[in-house]
C-alpha atoms as a PDB file:
ATOM      1  CA  UNK A   1      42.021  17.536 -72.519  1.00  0.00           C
ATOM      2  CA  UNK A   2      39.359  17.716 -69.970  1.00  0.00           C
ATOM      3  CA  UNK A   3      38.111  13.921 -70.710  1.00  0.00           C
ATOM      4  CA  UNK A   4      41.489  12.383 -71.155  1.00  0.00           C
ATOM      5  CA  UNK A   5      41.943  13.450 -67.311  1.00  0.00           C
ATOM      6  CA  UNK A   6      38.816  12.407 -66.125  1.00  0.00           C
ATOM      7  CA  UNK A   7      40.100   8.868 -67.719  1.00  0.00           C
ATOM      8  CA  UNK A   8      43.316   9.192 -65.816  1.00  0.00           C
ATOM      9  CA  UNK A   9      41.813   9.916 -62.434  1.00  0.00           C
ATOM     10  CA  UNK A  10      39.287   6.843 -63.153  1.00  0.00           C
ATOM     11  CA  UNK A  11      42.038   4.591 -64.024  1.00  0.00           C
ATOM     12  CA  UNK A  12      44.313   5.306 -60.985  1.00  0.00           C
ATOM     13  CA  UNK A  13      41.127   4.882 -58.790  1.00  0.00           C
ATOM     14  CA  UNK A  14      40.524   1.331 -60.287  1.00  0.00           C
ATOM     15  CA  UNK A  15      44.205   0.823 -59.499  1.00  0.00           C
ATOM     16  CA  UNK A  16      44.024   1.374 -55.998  1.00  0.00           C
ATOM     17  CA  UNK A  17      41.090  -0.797 -55.567  1.00  0.00           C
ATOM     18  CA  UNK A  18      42.987  -3.430 -57.286  1.00  0.00           C
ATOM     19  CA  UNK A  19      45.460  -3.027 -55.033  1.00  0.00           C
ATOM     20  CA  UNK A  20      43.604  -3.015 -51.852  1.00  0.00           C
ATOM     21  CA  UNK A  21      41.971  -6.210 -52.708  1.00  0.00           C
ATOM     22  CA  UNK A  22      45.143  -8.067 -53.540  1.00  0.00           C
ATOM     23  CA  UNK A  23      46.716  -6.912 -50.093  1.00  0.00           C
ATOM     24  CA  UNK A  24      43.689  -7.956 -48.103  1.00  0.00           C
ATOM     25  CA  UNK A  25      43.912 -11.591 -50.183  1.00  0.00           C
ATOM     26  CA  UNK A  26      47.531 -11.664 -48.907  1.00  0.00           C
ATOM     27  CA  UNK A  27      46.707 -10.907 -45.299  1.00  0.00           C
ATOM     28  CA  UNK A  28      43.802 -13.989 -45.343  1.00  0.00           C
ATOM     29  CA  UNK A  29      46.294 -16.164 -46.641  1.00  0.00           C
ATOM     30  CA  UNK A  30      48.910 -15.162 -44.180  1.00  0.00           C
ATOM     31  CA  UNK A  31      46.540 -15.524 -41.382  1.00  0.00           C
ATOM     32  CA  UNK A  32      45.523 -19.056 -42.432  1.00  0.00           C
ATOM     33  CA  UNK A  33      48.891 -20.203 -42.433  1.00  0.00           C
ATOM     34  CA  UNK A  34      49.650 -18.599 -38.963  1.00  0.00           C
ATOM     35  CA  UNK A  35      46.330 -20.657 -37.852  1.00  0.00           C
ATOM     36  CA  UNK A  36      47.690 -23.829 -39.304  1.00  0.00           C
ATOM     37  CA  UNK A  37      50.801 -23.208 -37.139  1.00  0.00           C
ATOM     38  CA  UNK A  38      48.918 -22.579 -34.323  1.00  0.00           C
ATOM     39  CA  UNK A  39      47.060 -25.676 -34.489  1.00  0.00           C
ATOM     40  CA  UNK A  40      50.254 -27.658 -35.026  1.00  0.00           C
ATOM     41  CA  UNK A  41      51.554 -26.160 -31.767  1.00  0.00           C
ATOM     42  CA  UNK A  42      48.266 -26.620 -29.978  1.00  0.00           C
ATOM     43  CA  UNK A  43      49.094 -30.210 -29.757  1.00  0.00           C
ATOM     44  CA  UNK A  44      52.374 -29.373 -27.857  1.00  0.00           C
ATOM     45  CA  UNK A  45      52.851 -30.042 -23.860  1.00  0.00           C
ATOM     46  CA  UNK A  46      53.255 -26.498 -22.744  1.00  0.00           C
ATOM     47  CA  UNK A  47      49.884 -25.322 -24.512  1.00  0.00           C
ATOM     48  CA  UNK A  48      48.037 -28.230 -22.828  1.00  0.00           C
ATOM     49  CA  UNK A  49      49.327 -27.424 -19.775  1.00  0.00           C
ATOM     50  CA  UNK A  50      48.782 -23.694 -19.992  1.00  0.00           C
ATOM     51  CA  UNK A  51      44.901 -24.537 -21.008  1.00  0.00           C
ATOM     52  CA  UNK A  52      44.523 -26.366 -17.813  1.00  0.00           C
ATOM     53  CA  UNK A  53      45.760 -23.694 -15.531  1.00  0.00           C
ATOM     54  CA  UNK A  54      43.598 -21.563 -17.233  1.00  0.00           C
ATOM     55  CA  UNK A  55      40.726 -23.748 -16.734  1.00  0.00           C
ATOM     56  CA  UNK A  56      41.375 -24.130 -13.176  1.00  0.00           C
ATOM     57  CA  UNK A  57      41.473 -20.347 -12.693  1.00  0.00           C
ATOM     58  CA  UNK A  58      38.062 -20.069 -14.168  1.00  0.00           C
ATOM     59  CA  UNK A  59      36.840 -22.834 -12.337  1.00  0.00           C
ATOM     60  CA  UNK A  60      38.145 -21.018  -9.023  1.00  0.00           C
ATOM     61  CA  UNK A  61      36.604 -17.799 -10.036  1.00  0.00           C
ATOM     62  CA  UNK A  62      33.468 -19.158 -11.156  1.00  0.00           C
ATOM     63  CA  UNK A  63      33.063 -21.133  -7.761  1.00  0.00           C
ATOM     64  CA  UNK A  64      33.827 -17.915  -5.846  1.00  0.00           C
ATOM     65  CA  UNK A  65      31.078 -16.073  -7.566  1.00  0.00           C
ATOM     66  CA  UNK A  66      28.865 -19.238  -7.015  1.00  0.00           C
ATOM     67  CA  UNK A  67      29.638 -18.723  -3.101  1.00  0.00           C
ATOM     68  CA  UNK A  68      28.790 -15.293  -3.185  1.00  0.00           C
ATOM     69  CA  UNK A  69      25.638 -15.559  -4.970  1.00  0.00           C
ATOM     70  CA  UNK A  70      24.236 -18.294  -2.487  1.00  0.00           C
ATOM     71  CA  UNK A  71      25.135 -16.315   0.122  1.00  0.00           C
ATOM     72  CA  UNK A  72      23.296 -13.252  -1.203  1.00  0.00           C
ATOM     73  CA  UNK A  73      20.303 -15.681  -1.733  1.00  0.00           C
ATOM     74  CA  UNK A  74      20.195 -17.010   1.863  1.00  0.00           C
ATOM     75  CA  UNK A  75      20.547 -13.407   3.018  1.00  0.00           C
ATOM     76  CA  UNK A  76      17.514 -12.424   0.859  1.00  0.00           C
ATOM     77  CA  UNK A  77      15.909 -15.784   2.181  1.00  0.00           C
ATOM     78  CA  UNK A  78      16.692 -14.986   5.713  1.00  0.00           C
ATOM     79  CA  UNK A  79      15.533 -11.355   5.630  1.00  0.00           C
ATOM     80  CA  UNK A  80      12.132 -12.881   3.950  1.00  0.00           C
ATOM     81  CA  UNK A  81      11.512 -15.194   7.159  1.00  0.00           C
ATOM     82  CA  UNK A  82      12.221 -12.345   9.286  1.00  0.00           C
ATOM     83  CA  UNK A  83       9.905 -10.333   7.670  1.00  0.00           C
ATOM     84  CA  UNK A  84       7.002 -13.540   7.956  1.00  0.00           C
ATOM     85  CA  UNK A  85       8.053 -14.228  11.466  1.00  0.00           C
ATOM     86  CA  UNK A  86       7.385 -10.602  12.243  1.00  0.00           C
ATOM     87  CA  UNK A  87       4.157 -10.320  10.453  1.00  0.00           C
ATOM     88  CA  UNK A  88       3.042 -13.853  12.179  1.00  0.00           C
ATOM     89  CA  UNK A  89       4.150 -11.932  15.491  1.00  0.00           C
ATOM     90  CA  UNK A  90       1.777  -9.248  14.751  1.00  0.00           C
ATOM     91  CA  UNK A  91      -0.943 -11.432  13.290  1.00  0.00           C
ATOM     92  CA  UNK A  92      -0.656 -13.148  16.600  1.00  0.00           C
ATOM     93  CA  UNK A  93      -0.755 -10.306  18.749  1.00  0.00           C
ATOM     94  CA  UNK A  94      -3.980  -8.911  16.896  1.00  0.00           C
ATOM     95  CA  UNK A  95      -5.882 -12.003  17.738  1.00  0.00           C
ATOM     96  CA  UNK A  96      -4.977 -11.818  21.105  1.00  0.00           C
ATOM     97  CA  UNK A  97      -6.287  -8.553  21.442  1.00  0.00           C
ATOM     98  CA  UNK A  98      -9.305  -9.329  19.662  1.00  0.00           C
ATOM     99  CA  UNK A  99      -9.947 -12.276  22.024  1.00  0.00           C
ATOM    100  CA  UNK A 100      -9.354 -10.132  25.187  1.00  0.00           C
ATOM    101  CA  UNK A 101     -11.600  -7.410  24.053  1.00  0.00           C
ATOM    102  CA  UNK A 102     -14.512 -10.050  23.355  1.00  0.00           C
ATOM    103  CA  UNK A 103     -13.897 -11.772  26.721  1.00  0.00           C
ATOM    104  CA  UNK A 104     -13.780  -8.214  28.192  1.00  0.00           C
ATOM    105  CA  UNK A 105     -17.147  -7.229  26.392  1.00  0.00           C
ATOM    106  CA  UNK A 106     -18.565 -10.830  27.804  1.00  0.00           C
ATOM    107  CA  UNK A 107     -17.934 -10.342  31.229  1.00  0.00           C
ATOM    108  CA  UNK A 108     -19.351  -6.497  31.285  1.00  0.00           C
ATOM    109  CA  UNK A 109     -22.612  -7.889  29.632  1.00  0.00           C
ATOM    110  CA  UNK A 110     -22.533 -10.305  32.232  1.00  0.00           C
ATOM    111  CA  UNK A 111     -21.842  -7.560  34.956  1.00  0.00           C
ATOM    112  CA  UNK A 112     -24.486  -5.407  33.722  1.00  0.00           C
ATOM    113  CA  UNK A 113     -27.149  -8.478  33.310  1.00  0.00           C
ATOM    114  CA  UNK A 114     -26.490  -9.193  37.098  1.00  0.00           C
ATOM    115  CA  UNK A 115     -26.664  -5.375  38.001  1.00  0.00           C
ATOM    116  CA  UNK A 116     -30.234  -5.649  36.415  1.00  0.00           C
ATOM    117  CA  UNK A 117     -31.439  -8.702  38.022  1.00  0.00           C
ATOM    118  CA  UNK A 118     -30.102  -7.007  41.468  1.00  0.00           C
ATOM    119  CA  UNK A 119     -32.313  -4.198  40.911  1.00  0.00           C
ATOM    120  CA  UNK A 120     -35.201  -5.253  43.020  1.00  0.00           C
ATOM    121  CA  UNK A 121     -38.964  -4.151  42.534  1.00  0.00           C
ATOM    122  CA  UNK A 122     -38.614  -2.108  45.767  1.00  0.00           C
ATOM    123  CA  UNK A 123     -36.714   0.736  44.435  1.00  0.00           C
ATOM    124  CA  UNK A 124     -39.082   0.909  41.457  1.00  0.00           C
ATOM    125  CA  UNK A 125     -42.012   1.329  43.832  1.00  0.00           C
ATOM    126  CA  UNK A 126     -40.654   3.771  46.057  1.00  0.00           C
ATOM    127  CA  UNK A 127     -39.817   5.796  43.091  1.00  0.00           C
ATOM    128  CA  UNK A 128     -43.744   5.515  41.667  1.00  0.00           C
ATOM    129  CA  UNK A 129     -44.950   6.141  45.317  1.00  0.00           C
ATOM    130  CA  UNK A 130     -42.871   9.718  45.666  1.00  0.00           C
ATOM    131  CA  UNK A 131     -44.197  10.477  42.497  1.00  0.00           C
ATOM    132  CA  UNK A 132     -40.757  12.299  41.470  1.00  0.00           C
ATOM    133  CA  UNK A 133     -38.905  10.036  38.643  1.00  0.00           C
ATOM    134  CA  UNK A 134     -35.742  12.556  38.599  1.00  0.00           C
ATOM    135  CA  UNK A 135     -33.344   9.556  39.078  1.00  0.00           C
ATOM    136  CA  UNK A 136     -35.207   7.391  36.080  1.00  0.00           C
ATOM    137  CA  UNK A 137     -34.968  10.904  33.827  1.00  0.00           C
ATOM    138  CA  UNK A 138     -31.262  11.411  34.599  1.00  0.00           C
ATOM    139  CA  UNK A 139     -30.754   7.793  33.530  1.00  0.00           C
ATOM    140  CA  UNK A 140     -32.463   7.939  30.315  1.00  0.00           C
ATOM    141  CA  UNK A 141     -31.626  11.194  29.136  1.00  0.00           C
ATOM    142  CA  UNK A 142     -28.127  10.591  29.361  1.00  0.00           C
ATOM    143  CA  UNK A 143     -25.212  12.577  27.595  1.00  0.00           C
ATOM    144  CA  UNK A 144     -23.979   9.869  25.403  1.00  0.00           C
ATOM    145  CA  UNK A 145     -27.475   7.978  24.588  1.00  0.00           C
ATOM    146  CA  UNK A 146     -28.636   9.897  21.414  1.00  0.00           C
ATOM    147  CA  UNK A 147     -32.337   7.812  21.196  1.00  0.00           C
ATOM    148  CA  UNK A 148     -34.144   7.248  24.540  1.00  0.00           C
ATOM    149  CA  UNK A 149     -37.742   6.129  24.968  1.00  0.00           C
ATOM    150  CA  UNK A 150     -39.898   7.338  27.368  1.00  0.00           C
ATOM    151  CA  UNK A 151     -43.256   6.263  28.083  1.00  0.00           C
ATOM    152  CA  UNK A 152     -46.367   8.034  27.130  1.00  0.00           C
ATOM    153  CA  UNK A 153     -50.047   6.884  27.229  1.00  0.00           C
ATOM    154  CA  UNK A 154     -48.856   3.090  27.306  1.00  0.00           C
ATOM    155  CA  UNK A 155     -46.794   3.743  23.924  1.00  0.00           C
ATOM    156  CA  UNK A 156     -42.964   4.161  23.475  1.00  0.00           C
ATOM    157  CA  UNK A 157     -41.838   7.203  21.923  1.00  0.00           C
ATOM    158  CA  UNK A 158     -38.691   8.536  21.147  1.00  0.00           C
ATOM    159  CA  UNK A 159     -37.818  11.682  22.555  1.00  0.00           C
ATOM    160  CA  UNK A 160     -35.428  12.623  19.578  1.00  0.00           C
ATOM    161  CA  UNK A 161     -38.821  13.498  17.395  1.00  0.00           C
ATOM    162  CA  UNK A 162     -39.834  16.064  20.291  1.00  0.00           C
ATOM    163  CA  UNK A 163     -36.297  17.822  19.824  1.00  0.00           C
ATOM    164  CA  UNK A 164     -36.336  17.483  15.988  1.00  0.00           C
ATOM    165  CA  UNK A 165     -40.074  19.317  16.240  1.00  0.00           C
ATOM    166  CA  UNK A 166     -38.355  22.199  18.509  1.00  0.00           C
ATOM    167  CA  UNK A 167     -35.648  22.673  16.228  1.00  0.00           C
ATOM    168  CA  UNK A 168     -38.004  23.103  13.266  1.00  0.00           C
ATOM    169  CA  UNK A 169     -40.101  25.521  14.789  1.00  0.00           C
ATOM    170  CA  UNK A 170     -36.822  27.508  15.767  1.00  0.00           C
ATOM    171  CA  UNK A 171     -35.526  27.385  12.368  1.00  0.00           C
ATOM    172  CA  UNK A 172     -38.865  28.548  10.757  1.00  0.00           C
ATOM    173  CA  UNK A 173     -39.068  31.591  12.836  1.00  0.00           C
ATOM    174  CA  UNK A 174     -35.551  32.470  12.326  1.00  0.00           C
ATOM    175  CA  UNK A 175     -36.383  32.069   8.533  1.00  0.00           C
ATOM    176  CA  UNK A 176     -39.344  34.190   8.568  1.00  0.00           C
ATOM    177  CA  UNK A 177     -37.881  36.888  10.935  1.00  0.00           C
ATOM    178  CA  UNK A 178     -36.805  40.517   9.760  1.00  0.00           C
ATOM    179  CA  UNK A 179     -33.340  39.680  10.040  1.00  0.00           C
ATOM    180  CA  UNK A 180     -32.685  36.624   7.550  1.00  0.00           C
ATOM    181  CA  UNK A 181     -34.724  37.999   4.777  1.00  0.00           C
ATOM    182  CA  UNK A 182     -33.297  39.539   1.770  1.00  0.00           C
ATOM    183  CA  UNK A 183     -32.213  43.178   1.805  1.00  0.00           C
ATOM    184  CA  UNK A 184     -35.072  45.696   0.984  1.00  0.00           C
ATOM    185  CA  UNK A 185     -35.690  47.075  -2.338  1.00  0.00           C
ATOM    186  CA  UNK A 186     -36.021  50.574  -2.973  1.00  0.00           C
ATOM    187  CA  UNK A 187     -35.805  51.420   0.845  1.00  0.00           C
ATOM    188  CA  UNK A 188     -38.790  49.258   1.563  1.00  0.00           C
ATOM    189  CA  UNK A 189     -39.069  46.790   4.207  1.00  0.00           C
ATOM    190  CA  UNK A 190     -40.242  43.469   3.427  1.00  0.00           C
ATOM    191  CA  UNK A 191     -42.238  41.731   6.478  1.00  0.00           C
ATOM    192  CA  UNK A 192     -42.090  37.781   6.448  1.00  0.00           C
ATOM    193  CA  UNK A 193     -45.265  35.836   5.577  1.00  0.00           C
END
């Protein structure tokens, strides 16, 4: 009995599938018939007029979109041109500033040369005769000038070297002093070398 039931169920399924296929074929035939009718009707005036109207609408919409796109592109181009102009203006200003600074530096150098030429030998002679060269030292030992030169035994030496030596001596003294030595071990003080 069980086998017969299974066969019946299988037959029913096969029949259902056949019916579905037949229905699909019929639908396809109907579609093809409708297509033929539509082709025949397409040559009529009404259909042609409606197609022309649709084409016009599409063209108008496309033209509007193209105009919008053109305006956008123009706007972008204008923005780019504005940015380029701003950049050019900034570059021109910087160039002008550089030129002005160079002119100012040249003028300053010329003024310094003129001032040095104006200082006559009389002032130097009077300083040497007086024996005190305080003014000269003040000029030489300026705050802003880091490296200064002083005559000693006919040779030009840098005062920075002397200052470095003094600093080294101070540091060595500080290192060797009891204060900066390591902590004493077992309660015994360690003396410096």
